[in-house]
Amino acid sequence: MIRRLESYFNDQGLSQLRFLVLIVIDREPDRDTLTVGELTERLDVAGPVVARTLRFLLDDGLITQAKDTGDARIKHVGLTRFGQERLEALLPGYLAIIAEEMDKPL
């Protein structure tokens, strides 16, 4: 399943981690953004890896990043309209792979 997902995301010009960042932001209840620290915690990935991933997503126009008004060290990350559309386009293929793999006999 992991290989199929890697191939799927690679064909879409993303990685699994980049997809996970988008989905974690999107699925946060009652909020449009998460801080970089919150993302790092939720993804359980090293800070430098998250920072590098966010740079790619920012360069690709999939996320926004803004400094906190009360503490300039804190950055809030949200999806752009393009990021939301991209995520919505990726979800059916992702879910199909998961469903197919779950239906396979053990």
Protein backbone atom coordinates (compact mmCIF):
# COMPACT_ATOMS: atom_id res chain seq x y z
CA MET A 1 0.00 0.00 0.00
CA ILE A 2 2.81 2.42 0.88
CA ARG A 3 4.43 1.87 -2.51
CA ARG A 4 1.14 2.48 -4.29
CA LEU A 5 0.58 5.68 -2.34
CA GLU A 6 4.14 6.86 -2.98
CA SER A 7 3.66 6.23 -6.69
CA TYR A 8 0.29 7.99 -6.70
CA PHE A 9 1.63 11.09 -4.98
CA ASN A 10 4.78 11.10 -7.10
CA ASP A 11 2.61 11.04 -10.24
CA GLN A 12 0.74 14.04 -8.79
CA GLY A 13 3.94 15.96 -8.07
CA LEU A 14 3.68 15.59 -4.30
CA SER A 15 4.99 13.38 -1.53
CA GLN A 16 3.00 11.60 1.15
CA LEU A 17 4.29 14.08 3.71
CA ARG A 18 3.19 17.07 1.66
CA PHE A 19 -0.23 15.49 1.26
CA LEU A 20 -0.40 14.83 5.01
CA VAL A 21 0.40 18.46 5.77
CA LEU A 22 -2.48 19.56 3.54
CA ILE A 23 -4.94 17.11 5.02
CA VAL A 24 -3.95 17.84 8.63
CA ILE A 25 -4.54 21.56 8.09
CA ASP A 26 -7.80 20.92 6.25
CA ARG A 27 -9.21 18.55 8.88
CA GLU A 28 -8.57 20.80 11.87
CA PRO A 29 -11.97 21.50 13.40
CA ASP A 30 -13.05 25.12 13.80
CA ARG A 31 -9.76 26.58 12.51
CA ASP A 32 -8.30 27.56 9.16
CA THR A 33 -4.66 27.50 10.25
CA LEU A 34 -2.23 25.60 12.44
CA THR A 35 1.08 26.78 13.81
CA VAL A 36 4.26 25.16 12.56
CA GLY A 37 4.69 23.66 16.04
CA GLU A 38 1.21 22.14 15.96
CA LEU A 39 1.89 20.64 12.54
CA THR A 40 5.20 19.21 13.72
CA GLU A 41 3.49 17.64 16.72
CA ARG A 42 0.55 16.21 14.77
CA LEU A 43 2.76 14.76 12.04
CA ASP A 44 5.38 13.45 14.50
CA VAL A 45 8.13 14.51 12.11
CA ALA A 46 11.35 16.37 12.91
CA GLY A 47 11.10 20.17 12.82
CA PRO A 48 13.64 20.64 10.00
CA VAL A 49 11.75 18.15 7.82
CA VAL A 50 8.48 19.99 8.42
CA ALA A 51 10.15 23.35 7.69
CA ARG A 52 11.55 22.04 4.39
CA THR A 53 8.19 20.52 3.45
CA LEU A 54 6.40 23.78 4.21
CA ARG A 55 8.85 25.69 1.99
CA PHE A 56 7.99 23.39 -0.94
CA LEU A 57 4.25 23.78 -0.35
CA LEU A 58 4.63 27.55 -0.02
CA ASP A 59 6.66 27.74 -3.24
CA ASP A 60 4.00 25.65 -5.00
CA GLY A 61 1.27 28.03 -3.84
CA LEU A 62 -0.55 25.37 -1.80
CA ILE A 63 -0.23 27.02 1.63
CA THR A 64 -0.03 30.45 3.21
CA GLN A 65 2.21 31.34 6.08
CA ALA A 66 1.79 34.33 8.39
CA LYS A 67 3.52 35.47 11.56
CA ASP A 68 1.49 35.53 14.75
CA THR A 69 0.44 39.06 15.70
CA GLY A 70 1.44 38.50 19.33
CA ASP A 71 4.66 36.52 18.84
CA ALA A 72 6.69 36.90 15.63
CA ARG A 73 8.42 33.55 16.28
CA ILE A 74 5.13 31.72 15.71
CA LYS A 75 3.97 31.10 12.14
CA HIS A 76 0.42 30.16 11.16
CA VAL A 77 0.00 27.89 8.16
CA GLY A 78 -3.21 27.61 6.13
CA LEU A 79 -4.35 26.29 2.79
CA THR A 80 -4.67 28.55 -0.22
CA ARG A 81 -7.67 28.16 -2.48
CA PHE A 82 -5.37 26.30 -4.87
CA GLY A 83 -4.19 24.08 -2.01
CA GLN A 84 -7.78 23.26 -1.08
CA GLU A 85 -8.64 22.46 -4.69
CA ARG A 86 -5.53 20.31 -5.05
CA LEU A 87 -6.37 18.38 -1.90
CA GLU A 88 -9.94 17.82 -3.07
CA ALA A 89 -8.63 16.52 -6.40
CA LEU A 90 -6.20 14.13 -4.66
CA LEU A 91 -8.60 12.65 -2.11
CA PRO A 92 -10.61 10.35 -4.43
CA GLY A 93 -7.48 8.61 -5.73
CA TYR A 94 -6.01 8.36 -2.25
CA LEU A 95 -9.20 6.92 -0.79
CA ALA A 96 -9.55 4.46 -3.70
CA ILE A 97 -6.07 3.09 -3.03
CA ILE A 98 -6.81 2.73 0.68
CA ALA A 99 -10.15 1.00 -0.03
CA GLU A 100 -8.59 -1.40 -2.57
CA GLU A 101 -5.78 -2.31 -0.21
CA MET A 102 -8.14 -2.85 2.70
CA ASP A 103 -10.26 -5.22 0.57
CA LYS A 104 -7.28 -7.48 -0.20
CA PRO A 105 -7.20 -10.75 1.71
CA LEU A 106 -4.49 -11.06 4.35
